[in-house]
Amino acid sequence: MIGLAKRALRYYVTKTGKAKGLYKKFCHPTGYEWADYLARWGGIYSVGKGVWINPGCNIPDPSLLRIGNNVGLSDCTIFGHDGLIGVFELSAGKQLDSVGAVDIFDNCFIGYQSIIMPGRKIGPNSIVAAGAVVTRDVPPGVVVGGNPAKVLCTVEELIKKIEERCEAYPWMELIRQRGTHFDPDYEPKLKAMRAQYFFGEKANE
């Protein structure tokens, strides 16, 4: 009965765009499902193919955001405006506007709790690390991190480091068999093998 109610809610939300909060709370949409919803009903200027957006992602100005293909947005914040103009209106008697479009190009990942400020471009094949504050354009093919965000390394260098770490992991054959970045059928065994590798036997055993 619960499954039927969830399917009905999902159908209603995806067809009408309404009840967004209920959809997030009860249906727990995947990043791909949430990206599809936002692409249709979220007011984002444009969304490419193969995009996933965590439901915790904060996009206050969706009409000023353009997303390319194969982009992942974690629980980050992407601003298209600067709220300080409200203060200036009273303190300095100025009627101003401070906005800027954010352009995220193909094959990018925006990490957890990172902040993209208005008017920034995230170049293709780049990564914004968790917690970074992006105040300048990000060049293509690099990893940026820190506040303000600076180039840490190239994506090619990061891939090489990850490949080197993977050589020691005893579960890599499972990863290759899995054939995708996530498969619930493989997760229990992968979790057990990872915990065993890093921590050894459970403390209560």
N, C-alpha and C. Protein backbone atom coordinates (compact mmCIF):
# COMPACT_ATOMS: atom_id res chain seq x y z
N MET A 1 0.83 -1.21 0.00
CA MET A 1 0.00 0.00 0.00
C MET A 1 0.87 1.27 0.00
N ILE A 2 1.95 1.20 0.83
CA ILE A 2 2.85 2.36 0.88
C ILE A 2 3.53 2.57 -0.46
N GLY A 3 3.96 1.45 -1.08
CA GLY A 3 4.61 1.56 -2.38
C GLY A 3 3.71 2.15 -3.43
N LEU A 4 2.44 1.79 -3.38
CA LEU A 4 1.47 2.34 -4.34
C LEU A 4 1.29 3.83 -4.13
N ALA A 5 1.24 4.26 -2.86
CA ALA A 5 1.09 5.68 -2.55
C ALA A 5 2.29 6.47 -3.03
N LYS A 6 3.49 5.91 -2.87
CA LYS A 6 4.69 6.59 -3.32
C LYS A 6 4.71 6.73 -4.84
N ARG A 7 4.30 5.66 -5.52
CA ARG A 7 4.26 5.72 -6.99
C ARG A 7 3.26 6.76 -7.46
N ALA A 8 2.12 6.84 -6.77
CA ALA A 8 1.10 7.82 -7.13
C ALA A 8 1.62 9.24 -6.90
N LEU A 9 2.31 9.43 -5.77
CA LEU A 9 2.87 10.76 -5.46
C LEU A 9 3.93 11.13 -6.49
N ARG A 10 4.79 10.19 -6.82
CA ARG A 10 5.84 10.46 -7.81
C ARG A 10 5.24 10.84 -9.16
N TYR A 11 4.22 10.12 -9.55
CA TYR A 11 3.55 10.40 -10.82
C TYR A 11 2.92 11.79 -10.80
N TYR A 12 2.25 12.12 -9.71
CA TYR A 12 1.59 13.43 -9.59
C TYR A 12 2.61 14.57 -9.64
N VAL A 13 3.70 14.40 -8.90
CA VAL A 13 4.70 15.46 -8.83
C VAL A 13 5.39 15.66 -10.18
N THR A 14 5.78 14.57 -10.83
CA THR A 14 6.49 14.70 -12.10
C THR A 14 5.60 15.24 -13.21
N LYS A 15 4.28 15.02 -13.09
CA LYS A 15 3.36 15.52 -14.11
C LYS A 15 2.92 16.96 -13.87
N THR A 16 2.89 17.38 -12.59
CA THR A 16 2.36 18.71 -12.28
C THR A 16 3.41 19.69 -11.74
N GLY A 17 4.50 19.16 -11.19
CA GLY A 17 5.49 20.01 -10.56
C GLY A 17 5.14 20.42 -9.15
N LYS A 18 3.98 20.00 -8.66
CA LYS A 18 3.52 20.38 -7.32
C LYS A 18 3.96 19.35 -6.28
N ALA A 19 3.82 19.74 -5.00
CA ALA A 19 4.13 18.86 -3.86
C ALA A 19 5.60 18.44 -3.86
N LYS A 20 6.48 19.36 -4.18
CA LYS A 20 7.91 19.07 -4.23
C LYS A 20 8.44 18.57 -2.89
N GLY A 21 8.02 19.21 -1.81
CA GLY A 21 8.49 18.83 -0.49
C GLY A 21 8.10 17.41 -0.11
N LEU A 22 6.87 17.04 -0.43
CA LEU A 22 6.41 15.68 -0.15
C LEU A 22 7.18 14.66 -0.98
N TYR A 23 7.46 15.02 -2.20
CA TYR A 23 8.23 14.15 -3.09
C TYR A 23 9.60 13.86 -2.49
N LYS A 24 10.29 14.90 -2.02
CA LYS A 24 11.61 14.72 -1.43
C LYS A 24 11.54 13.91 -0.14
N LYS A 25 10.53 14.18 0.66
CA LYS A 25 10.45 13.55 1.98
C LYS A 25 10.09 12.07 1.91
N PHE A 26 9.13 11.73 1.06
CA PHE A 26 8.60 10.37 1.07
C PHE A 26 9.14 9.48 -0.05
N CYS A 27 9.52 10.07 -1.17
CA CYS A 27 9.98 9.27 -2.30
C CYS A 27 11.51 9.15 -2.37
N HIS A 28 12.21 10.05 -1.67
CA HIS A 28 13.67 10.03 -1.66
C HIS A 28 14.25 9.88 -3.07
N PRO A 29 13.98 10.85 -3.93
CA PRO A 29 14.45 10.73 -5.32
C PRO A 29 15.97 10.65 -5.41
N THR A 30 16.44 9.88 -6.39
CA THR A 30 17.87 9.83 -6.65
C THR A 30 18.32 11.16 -7.24
N GLY A 31 19.63 11.32 -7.35
CA GLY A 31 20.15 12.54 -7.95
C GLY A 31 19.70 12.72 -9.39
N TYR A 32 19.59 11.62 -10.12
CA TYR A 32 19.13 11.70 -11.50
C TYR A 32 17.64 12.07 -11.56
N GLU A 33 16.85 11.49 -10.66
CA GLU A 33 15.42 11.81 -10.63
C GLU A 33 15.20 13.26 -10.24
N TRP A 34 15.98 13.74 -9.27
CA TRP A 34 15.83 15.13 -8.84
C TRP A 34 16.26 16.09 -9.95
N ALA A 35 17.31 15.74 -10.66
CA ALA A 35 17.75 16.57 -11.79
C ALA A 35 16.67 16.62 -12.87
N ASP A 36 16.03 15.49 -13.14
CA ASP A 36 14.94 15.47 -14.12
C ASP A 36 13.80 16.37 -13.67
N TYR A 37 13.47 16.30 -12.38
CA TYR A 37 12.39 17.14 -11.86
C TYR A 37 12.75 18.63 -12.01
N LEU A 38 13.96 18.99 -11.60
CA LEU A 38 14.37 20.40 -11.68
C LEU A 38 14.46 20.88 -13.12
N ALA A 39 14.90 19.99 -14.02
CA ALA A 39 14.99 20.37 -15.43
C ALA A 39 13.62 20.73 -15.97
N ARG A 40 12.59 20.04 -15.49
CA ARG A 40 11.24 20.28 -16.00
C ARG A 40 10.51 21.37 -15.23
N TRP A 41 10.66 21.37 -13.91
CA TRP A 41 9.84 22.24 -13.07
C TRP A 41 10.63 23.23 -12.22
N GLY A 42 11.96 23.12 -12.21
CA GLY A 42 12.73 23.92 -11.28
C GLY A 42 13.14 25.29 -11.76
N GLY A 43 12.86 25.62 -13.01
CA GLY A 43 13.18 26.95 -13.53
C GLY A 43 14.62 27.15 -13.92
N ILE A 44 15.43 26.08 -13.93
CA ILE A 44 16.82 26.20 -14.36
C ILE A 44 16.85 26.54 -15.85
N TYR A 45 17.77 27.42 -16.23
CA TYR A 45 17.81 27.89 -17.62
C TYR A 45 17.93 26.72 -18.58
N SER A 46 18.88 25.81 -18.32
CA SER A 46 18.99 24.61 -19.14
C SER A 46 19.77 23.56 -18.37
N VAL A 47 19.43 22.30 -18.63
CA VAL A 47 20.08 21.16 -17.98
C VAL A 47 20.44 20.15 -19.07
N GLY A 48 21.70 19.73 -19.10
CA GLY A 48 22.15 18.79 -20.11
C GLY A 48 21.76 17.36 -19.80
N LYS A 49 22.36 16.42 -20.50
CA LYS A 49 22.06 15.00 -20.33
C LYS A 49 22.99 14.38 -19.29
N GLY A 50 22.48 13.33 -18.61
CA GLY A 50 23.29 12.61 -17.64
C GLY A 50 23.65 13.43 -16.42
N VAL A 51 22.79 14.36 -16.04
CA VAL A 51 23.04 15.23 -14.89
C VAL A 51 22.40 14.63 -13.63
N TRP A 52 23.11 14.67 -12.52
CA TRP A 52 22.48 14.32 -11.25
C TRP A 52 22.69 15.46 -10.26
N ILE A 53 21.62 15.73 -9.50
CA ILE A 53 21.61 16.82 -8.54
C ILE A 53 21.09 16.29 -7.22
N ASN A 54 21.89 16.32 -6.18
CA ASN A 54 21.41 15.88 -4.88
C ASN A 54 20.23 16.73 -4.43
N PRO A 55 19.23 16.13 -3.81
CA PRO A 55 18.07 16.91 -3.34
C PRO A 55 18.45 17.99 -2.34
N GLY A 56 19.62 17.88 -1.71
CA GLY A 56 20.07 18.91 -0.77
C GLY A 56 20.77 20.08 -1.42
N CYS A 57 20.90 20.06 -2.73
CA CYS A 57 21.55 21.16 -3.46
C CYS A 57 20.68 22.42 -3.38
N ASN A 58 21.30 23.57 -3.11
CA ASN A 58 20.59 24.84 -2.95
C ASN A 58 20.85 25.73 -4.16
N ILE A 59 19.78 26.03 -4.91
CA ILE A 59 19.90 26.87 -6.11
C ILE A 59 18.90 28.02 -5.99
N PRO A 60 19.28 29.12 -5.34
CA PRO A 60 18.34 30.22 -5.12
C PRO A 60 17.89 30.92 -6.40
N ASP A 61 18.71 30.89 -7.45
CA ASP A 61 18.43 31.64 -8.68
C ASP A 61 18.51 30.70 -9.89
N PRO A 62 17.58 29.76 -10.02
CA PRO A 62 17.69 28.75 -11.07
C PRO A 62 17.70 29.31 -12.49
N SER A 63 17.04 30.45 -12.71
CA SER A 63 17.00 31.00 -14.07
C SER A 63 18.36 31.52 -14.52
N LEU A 64 19.30 31.65 -13.57
CA LEU A 64 20.64 32.12 -13.90
C LEU A 64 21.67 31.00 -13.87
N LEU A 65 21.19 29.76 -14.00
CA LEU A 65 22.08 28.60 -13.98
C LEU A 65 21.93 27.79 -15.26
N ARG A 66 23.05 27.50 -15.89
CA ARG A 66 23.08 26.62 -17.06
C ARG A 66 24.03 25.47 -16.76
N ILE A 67 23.54 24.24 -16.98
CA ILE A 67 24.29 23.03 -16.63
C ILE A 67 24.52 22.22 -17.90
N GLY A 68 25.77 21.80 -18.10
CA GLY A 68 26.11 20.99 -19.26
C GLY A 68 25.80 19.53 -19.06
N ASN A 69 26.43 18.67 -19.85
CA ASN A 69 26.21 17.22 -19.80
C ASN A 69 27.14 16.56 -18.78
N ASN A 70 26.65 15.45 -18.20
CA ASN A 70 27.44 14.64 -17.27
C ASN A 70 28.00 15.51 -16.15
N VAL A 71 27.11 16.19 -15.45
CA VAL A 71 27.47 17.07 -14.34
C VAL A 71 26.87 16.51 -13.05
N GLY A 72 27.63 16.55 -11.97
CA GLY A 72 27.12 16.14 -10.66
C GLY A 72 27.17 17.29 -9.68
N LEU A 73 26.02 17.58 -9.06
CA LEU A 73 25.95 18.63 -8.04
C LEU A 73 25.64 17.97 -6.71
N SER A 74 26.59 18.03 -5.78
CA SER A 74 26.37 17.51 -4.45
C SER A 74 25.54 18.52 -3.66
N ASP A 75 25.54 18.42 -2.33
CA ASP A 75 24.78 19.37 -1.50
C ASP A 75 25.54 20.69 -1.42
N CYS A 76 25.59 21.38 -2.54
CA CYS A 76 26.31 22.64 -2.67
C CYS A 76 25.30 23.79 -2.78
N THR A 77 25.82 25.02 -2.86
CA THR A 77 24.98 26.20 -3.07
C THR A 77 25.50 26.96 -4.27
N ILE A 78 24.59 27.32 -5.17
CA ILE A 78 24.96 28.05 -6.39
C ILE A 78 24.16 29.34 -6.43
N PHE A 79 24.84 30.45 -6.22
CA PHE A 79 24.19 31.76 -6.17
C PHE A 79 24.20 32.43 -7.54
N GLY A 80 23.11 33.14 -7.83
CA GLY A 80 23.06 33.99 -9.01
C GLY A 80 22.89 35.46 -8.64
N HIS A 81 22.86 35.75 -7.33
CA HIS A 81 22.66 37.14 -6.89
C HIS A 81 23.50 37.41 -5.66
N ASP A 82 23.65 38.68 -5.35
CA ASP A 82 24.36 39.13 -4.15
C ASP A 82 23.36 39.89 -3.28
N GLY A 83 23.09 39.37 -2.09
CA GLY A 83 22.05 39.95 -1.25
C GLY A 83 22.41 41.26 -0.59
N LEU A 84 23.64 41.71 -0.71
CA LEU A 84 24.03 42.93 0.00
C LEU A 84 23.41 44.20 -0.58
N ILE A 85 22.84 44.12 -1.78
CA ILE A 85 22.27 45.35 -2.36
C ILE A 85 21.09 45.85 -1.53
N GLY A 86 20.41 44.95 -0.81
CA GLY A 86 19.33 45.40 0.07
C GLY A 86 19.85 46.27 1.19
N VAL A 87 21.05 45.97 1.68
CA VAL A 87 21.68 46.80 2.71
C VAL A 87 22.07 48.15 2.13
N PHE A 88 22.67 48.14 0.94
CA PHE A 88 23.09 49.39 0.30
C PHE A 88 21.92 50.32 0.00
N GLU A 89 20.78 49.72 -0.29
CA GLU A 89 19.62 50.55 -0.60
C GLU A 89 19.26 51.45 0.58
N LEU A 90 19.38 50.90 1.80
CA LEU A 90 19.05 51.69 2.99
C LEU A 90 20.24 52.48 3.50
N SER A 91 21.44 51.88 3.48
CA SER A 91 22.59 52.56 4.07
C SER A 91 23.18 53.64 3.18
N ALA A 92 23.11 53.43 1.85
CA ALA A 92 23.74 54.37 0.93
C ALA A 92 22.76 55.04 -0.02
N GLY A 93 21.48 54.68 0.09
CA GLY A 93 20.48 55.27 -0.79
C GLY A 93 20.68 54.89 -2.25
N LYS A 94 21.23 53.70 -2.52
CA LYS A 94 21.53 53.27 -3.88
C LYS A 94 20.56 52.18 -4.31
N GLN A 95 19.98 52.33 -5.51
CA GLN A 95 19.18 51.27 -6.12
C GLN A 95 20.07 50.54 -7.12
N LEU A 96 20.54 49.36 -6.73
CA LEU A 96 21.51 48.62 -7.52
C LEU A 96 21.00 47.22 -7.83
N ASP A 97 21.70 46.55 -8.70
CA ASP A 97 21.42 45.15 -8.98
C ASP A 97 22.77 44.44 -9.09
N SER A 98 22.89 43.31 -8.44
CA SER A 98 24.15 42.57 -8.46
C SER A 98 23.84 41.10 -8.69
N VAL A 99 23.84 40.71 -9.97
CA VAL A 99 23.51 39.34 -10.34
C VAL A 99 24.52 38.84 -11.37
N GLY A 100 24.54 37.55 -11.56
CA GLY A 100 25.43 36.98 -12.57
C GLY A 100 25.07 35.54 -12.84
N ALA A 101 25.09 35.14 -14.08
CA ALA A 101 24.77 33.76 -14.45
C ALA A 101 25.93 32.83 -14.10
N VAL A 102 25.59 31.62 -13.72
CA VAL A 102 26.59 30.58 -13.46
C VAL A 102 26.50 29.55 -14.56
N ASP A 103 27.65 29.25 -15.17
CA ASP A 103 27.73 28.31 -16.29
C ASP A 103 28.60 27.14 -15.85
N ILE A 104 28.01 25.95 -15.76
CA ILE A 104 28.76 24.75 -15.42
C ILE A 104 28.85 23.89 -16.67
N PHE A 105 30.04 23.74 -17.19
CA PHE A 105 30.24 23.04 -18.46
C PHE A 105 30.26 21.52 -18.27
N ASP A 106 30.45 20.80 -19.36
CA ASP A 106 30.37 19.34 -19.34
C ASP A 106 31.38 18.69 -18.40
N ASN A 107 30.98 17.54 -17.84
CA ASN A 107 31.87 16.65 -17.09
C ASN A 107 32.45 17.31 -15.85
N CYS A 108 31.61 18.01 -15.11
CA CYS A 108 32.06 18.68 -13.89
C CYS A 108 31.39 18.07 -12.66
N PHE A 109 32.07 18.19 -11.53
CA PHE A 109 31.52 17.77 -10.25
C PHE A 109 31.68 18.91 -9.26
N ILE A 110 30.59 19.24 -8.55
CA ILE A 110 30.62 20.30 -7.55
C ILE A 110 30.41 19.64 -6.19
N GLY A 111 31.40 19.74 -5.30
CA GLY A 111 31.43 18.97 -4.07
C GLY A 111 30.55 19.50 -2.95
N TYR A 112 30.46 18.70 -1.91
CA TYR A 112 29.62 18.94 -0.74
C TYR A 112 29.96 20.26 -0.05
N GLN A 113 28.93 21.05 0.22
CA GLN A 113 29.01 22.34 0.93
C GLN A 113 29.92 23.35 0.24
N SER A 114 30.19 23.16 -1.02
CA SER A 114 30.90 24.20 -1.77
C SER A 114 29.91 25.30 -2.17
N ILE A 115 30.45 26.47 -2.46
CA ILE A 115 29.64 27.62 -2.82
C ILE A 115 30.16 28.20 -4.12
N ILE A 116 29.26 28.37 -5.07
CA ILE A 116 29.61 29.02 -6.34
C ILE A 116 28.99 30.41 -6.32
N MET A 117 29.81 31.43 -6.42
CA MET A 117 29.32 32.81 -6.38
C MET A 117 28.81 33.24 -7.76
N PRO A 118 28.03 34.32 -7.81
CA PRO A 118 27.40 34.75 -9.07
C PRO A 118 28.43 35.06 -10.17
N GLY A 119 28.03 34.76 -11.40
CA GLY A 119 28.82 35.15 -12.55
C GLY A 119 30.02 34.28 -12.85
N ARG A 120 30.08 33.12 -12.23
CA ARG A 120 31.26 32.27 -12.40
C ARG A 120 31.03 31.21 -13.47
N LYS A 121 32.11 30.81 -14.13
CA LYS A 121 32.10 29.73 -15.11
C LYS A 121 32.96 28.59 -14.57
N ILE A 122 32.40 27.39 -14.58
CA ILE A 122 33.14 26.20 -14.18
C ILE A 122 33.51 25.47 -15.47
N GLY A 123 34.78 25.54 -15.82
CA GLY A 123 35.24 25.01 -17.10
C GLY A 123 35.01 23.53 -17.24
N PRO A 124 34.94 23.02 -18.46
CA PRO A 124 34.68 21.60 -18.69
C PRO A 124 35.73 20.71 -18.03
N ASN A 125 35.28 19.53 -17.58
CA ASN A 125 36.16 18.51 -17.00
C ASN A 125 36.85 18.98 -15.73
N SER A 126 36.16 19.80 -14.94
CA SER A 126 36.74 20.32 -13.71
C SER A 126 35.96 19.87 -12.48
N ILE A 127 36.61 19.98 -11.33
CA ILE A 127 36.03 19.55 -10.06
C ILE A 127 36.19 20.67 -9.05
N VAL A 128 35.09 20.95 -8.33
CA VAL A 128 35.12 21.88 -7.21
C VAL A 128 35.07 21.04 -5.93
N ALA A 129 36.12 21.09 -5.13
CA ALA A 129 36.22 20.24 -3.95
C ALA A 129 35.22 20.64 -2.89
N ALA A 130 34.95 19.72 -1.98
CA ALA A 130 34.03 19.97 -0.87
C ALA A 130 34.47 21.19 -0.07
N GLY A 131 33.51 22.05 0.25
CA GLY A 131 33.79 23.22 1.08
C GLY A 131 34.43 24.39 0.37
N ALA A 132 34.69 24.28 -0.92
CA ALA A 132 35.34 25.37 -1.65
C ALA A 132 34.38 26.54 -1.85
N VAL A 133 34.93 27.74 -1.94
CA VAL A 133 34.15 28.94 -2.26
C VAL A 133 34.72 29.51 -3.55
N VAL A 134 33.93 29.40 -4.62
CA VAL A 134 34.41 29.78 -5.95
C VAL A 134 34.07 31.24 -6.21
N THR A 135 35.09 32.09 -6.24
CA THR A 135 34.91 33.51 -6.49
C THR A 135 35.47 33.94 -7.84
N ARG A 136 36.14 33.01 -8.54
CA ARG A 136 36.68 33.28 -9.87
C ARG A 136 36.32 32.12 -10.79
N ASP A 137 36.42 32.35 -12.08
CA ASP A 137 36.16 31.28 -13.04
C ASP A 137 37.13 30.12 -12.82
N VAL A 138 36.64 28.91 -13.01
CA VAL A 138 37.46 27.72 -12.86
C VAL A 138 37.93 27.28 -14.25
N PRO A 139 39.24 27.16 -14.47
CA PRO A 139 39.74 26.73 -15.79
C PRO A 139 39.32 25.30 -16.11
N PRO A 140 39.38 24.92 -17.37
CA PRO A 140 39.08 23.53 -17.74
C PRO A 140 40.08 22.54 -17.16
N GLY A 141 39.58 21.37 -16.78
CA GLY A 141 40.45 20.25 -16.46
C GLY A 141 41.23 20.34 -15.16
N VAL A 142 40.71 21.09 -14.18
CA VAL A 142 41.45 21.24 -12.92
C VAL A 142 40.55 20.92 -11.73
N VAL A 143 41.21 20.72 -10.58
CA VAL A 143 40.52 20.58 -9.30
C VAL A 143 40.80 21.84 -8.49
N VAL A 144 39.75 22.48 -7.98
CA VAL A 144 39.94 23.67 -7.14
C VAL A 144 39.39 23.39 -5.75
N GLY A 145 39.97 24.04 -4.75
CA GLY A 145 39.52 23.89 -3.38
C GLY A 145 39.96 25.06 -2.54
N GLY A 146 39.36 25.20 -1.36
CA GLY A 146 39.72 26.25 -0.42
C GLY A 146 38.81 27.46 -0.52
N ASN A 147 39.09 28.47 0.32
CA ASN A 147 38.30 29.71 0.37
C ASN A 147 39.25 30.89 0.45
N PRO A 148 39.38 31.64 -0.67
CA PRO A 148 38.74 31.41 -1.98
C PRO A 148 39.38 30.22 -2.69
N ALA A 149 38.63 29.62 -3.60
CA ALA A 149 39.09 28.41 -4.28
C ALA A 149 40.30 28.70 -5.16
N LYS A 150 41.27 27.80 -5.08
CA LYS A 150 42.47 27.88 -5.91
C LYS A 150 42.71 26.52 -6.56
N VAL A 151 43.47 26.53 -7.64
CA VAL A 151 43.78 25.28 -8.33
C VAL A 151 44.68 24.41 -7.45
N LEU A 152 44.25 23.17 -7.22
CA LEU A 152 45.02 22.22 -6.41
C LEU A 152 45.84 21.28 -7.28
N CYS A 153 45.25 20.83 -8.38
CA CYS A 153 45.93 19.92 -9.29
C CYS A 153 45.09 19.82 -10.55
N THR A 154 45.56 19.07 -11.51
CA THR A 154 44.74 18.81 -12.69
C THR A 154 43.88 17.57 -12.43
N VAL A 155 42.84 17.42 -13.21
CA VAL A 155 41.99 16.24 -13.08
C VAL A 155 42.77 14.99 -13.47
N GLU A 156 43.66 15.10 -14.45
CA GLU A 156 44.49 13.96 -14.83
C GLU A 156 45.35 13.49 -13.68
N GLU A 157 45.91 14.44 -12.93
CA GLU A 157 46.72 14.08 -11.76
C GLU A 157 45.87 13.41 -10.69
N LEU A 158 44.65 13.91 -10.48
CA LEU A 158 43.75 13.31 -9.50
C LEU A 158 43.39 11.88 -9.89
N ILE A 159 43.08 11.67 -11.16
CA ILE A 159 42.74 10.33 -11.64
C ILE A 159 43.91 9.38 -11.40
N LYS A 160 45.13 9.84 -11.66
CA LYS A 160 46.30 9.00 -11.45
C LYS A 160 46.45 8.62 -9.98
N LYS A 161 46.23 9.57 -9.07
CA LYS A 161 46.33 9.28 -7.63
C LYS A 161 45.29 8.25 -7.22
N ILE A 162 44.07 8.40 -7.74
CA ILE A 162 43.01 7.45 -7.39
C ILE A 162 43.33 6.07 -7.94
N GLU A 163 43.85 6.02 -9.17
CA GLU A 163 44.23 4.73 -9.76
C GLU A 163 45.30 4.05 -8.93
N GLU A 164 46.25 4.82 -8.42
CA GLU A 164 47.32 4.24 -7.60
C GLU A 164 46.75 3.67 -6.31
N ARG A 165 45.79 4.36 -5.68
CA ARG A 165 45.17 3.84 -4.46
C ARG A 165 44.38 2.56 -4.76
N CYS A 166 43.73 2.53 -5.92
CA CYS A 166 42.90 1.38 -6.27
C CYS A 166 43.71 0.10 -6.43
N GLU A 167 44.99 0.22 -6.75
CA GLU A 167 45.82 -0.96 -6.94
C GLU A 167 45.88 -1.83 -5.68
N ALA A 168 45.71 -1.19 -4.50
CA ALA A 168 45.80 -1.93 -3.23
C ALA A 168 44.45 -2.47 -2.76
N TYR A 169 43.37 -2.05 -3.38
CA TYR A 169 42.05 -2.45 -2.90
C TYR A 169 41.70 -3.87 -3.36
N PRO A 170 41.37 -4.76 -2.45
CA PRO A 170 41.06 -6.14 -2.83
C PRO A 170 39.68 -6.32 -3.48
N TRP A 171 38.88 -5.27 -3.53
CA TRP A 171 37.53 -5.38 -4.11
C TRP A 171 37.44 -4.82 -5.52
N MET A 172 38.56 -4.51 -6.14
CA MET A 172 38.50 -3.88 -7.45
C MET A 172 37.89 -4.79 -8.52
N GLU A 173 38.05 -6.11 -8.36
CA GLU A 173 37.43 -7.00 -9.33
C GLU A 173 35.91 -6.89 -9.28
N LEU A 174 35.36 -6.70 -8.07
CA LEU A 174 33.91 -6.47 -7.95
C LEU A 174 33.50 -5.17 -8.62
N ILE A 175 34.32 -4.15 -8.48
CA ILE A 175 34.04 -2.86 -9.11
C ILE A 175 33.98 -3.04 -10.63
N ARG A 176 34.90 -3.81 -11.18
CA ARG A 176 34.91 -4.02 -12.62
C ARG A 176 33.72 -4.86 -13.07
N GLN A 177 33.33 -5.83 -12.26
CA GLN A 177 32.17 -6.64 -12.59
C GLN A 177 30.88 -5.83 -12.53
N ARG A 178 30.85 -4.89 -11.61
CA ARG A 178 29.65 -4.08 -11.39
C ARG A 178 29.25 -3.32 -12.65
N GLY A 179 30.22 -2.76 -13.33
CA GLY A 179 29.96 -2.12 -14.61
C GLY A 179 29.30 -0.76 -14.55
N THR A 180 29.04 -0.24 -13.36
CA THR A 180 28.47 1.09 -13.20
C THR A 180 28.94 1.63 -11.87
N HIS A 181 28.73 2.93 -11.62
CA HIS A 181 29.26 3.50 -10.38
C HIS A 181 28.45 3.12 -9.15
N PHE A 182 27.27 2.52 -9.34
CA PHE A 182 26.49 2.06 -8.19
C PHE A 182 25.54 0.95 -8.62
N ASP A 183 25.52 -0.11 -7.84
CA ASP A 183 24.59 -1.22 -8.06
C ASP A 183 24.24 -1.79 -6.69
N PRO A 184 22.98 -1.69 -6.27
CA PRO A 184 22.60 -2.14 -4.92
C PRO A 184 22.89 -3.62 -4.66
N ASP A 185 22.97 -4.42 -5.70
CA ASP A 185 23.26 -5.84 -5.52
C ASP A 185 24.70 -6.07 -5.04
N TYR A 186 25.58 -5.16 -5.37
CA TYR A 186 26.98 -5.31 -5.01
C TYR A 186 27.33 -4.61 -3.68
N GLU A 187 26.48 -3.68 -3.24
CA GLU A 187 26.84 -2.83 -2.11
C GLU A 187 27.11 -3.58 -0.81
N PRO A 188 26.30 -4.56 -0.41
CA PRO A 188 26.59 -5.23 0.88
C PRO A 188 27.98 -5.85 0.94
N LYS A 189 28.37 -6.54 -0.12
CA LYS A 189 29.69 -7.17 -0.11
C LYS A 189 30.80 -6.12 -0.17
N LEU A 190 30.59 -5.07 -0.96
CA LEU A 190 31.59 -4.01 -1.04
C LEU A 190 31.77 -3.31 0.31
N LYS A 191 30.67 -3.03 1.01
CA LYS A 191 30.76 -2.39 2.32
C LYS A 191 31.53 -3.26 3.30
N ALA A 192 31.25 -4.56 3.30
CA ALA A 192 31.93 -5.47 4.21
C ALA A 192 33.42 -5.54 3.91
N MET A 193 33.77 -5.61 2.62
CA MET A 193 35.18 -5.70 2.24
C MET A 193 35.93 -4.42 2.56
N ARG A 194 35.29 -3.30 2.37
CA ARG A 194 35.95 -2.02 2.66
C ARG A 194 36.19 -1.88 4.17
N ALA A 195 35.17 -2.19 4.96
CA ALA A 195 35.33 -2.09 6.41
C ALA A 195 36.43 -3.02 6.91
N GLN A 196 36.46 -4.24 6.37
CA GLN A 196 37.50 -5.20 6.76
C GLN A 196 38.89 -4.69 6.39
N TYR A 197 39.00 -4.08 5.22
CA TYR A 197 40.30 -3.59 4.74
C TYR A 197 40.82 -2.46 5.62
N PHE A 198 39.94 -1.52 5.96
CA PHE A 198 40.39 -0.33 6.70
C PHE A 198 40.45 -0.54 8.21
N PHE A 199 39.54 -1.36 8.77
CA PHE A 199 39.46 -1.47 10.22
C PHE A 199 39.77 -2.86 10.77
N GLY A 200 39.85 -3.85 9.91
CA GLY A 200 40.07 -5.20 10.38
C GLY A 200 38.79 -5.81 10.92
N GLU A 201 38.88 -6.75 11.85
CA GLU A 201 37.71 -7.40 12.43
C GLU A 201 36.89 -6.41 13.22
N LYS A 202 35.58 -6.62 13.27
CA LYS A 202 34.71 -5.75 14.06
C LYS A 202 35.11 -5.82 15.53
N ALA A 203 34.94 -4.68 16.21
CA ALA A 203 35.35 -4.58 17.60
C ALA A 203 34.58 -5.52 18.51
N ASN A 204 33.32 -5.83 18.16
CA ASN A 204 32.49 -6.66 19.02
C ASN A 204 32.58 -8.14 18.66
N GLU A 205 33.50 -8.51 17.79
CA GLU A 205 33.67 -9.91 17.41
C GLU A 205 34.88 -10.51 18.13
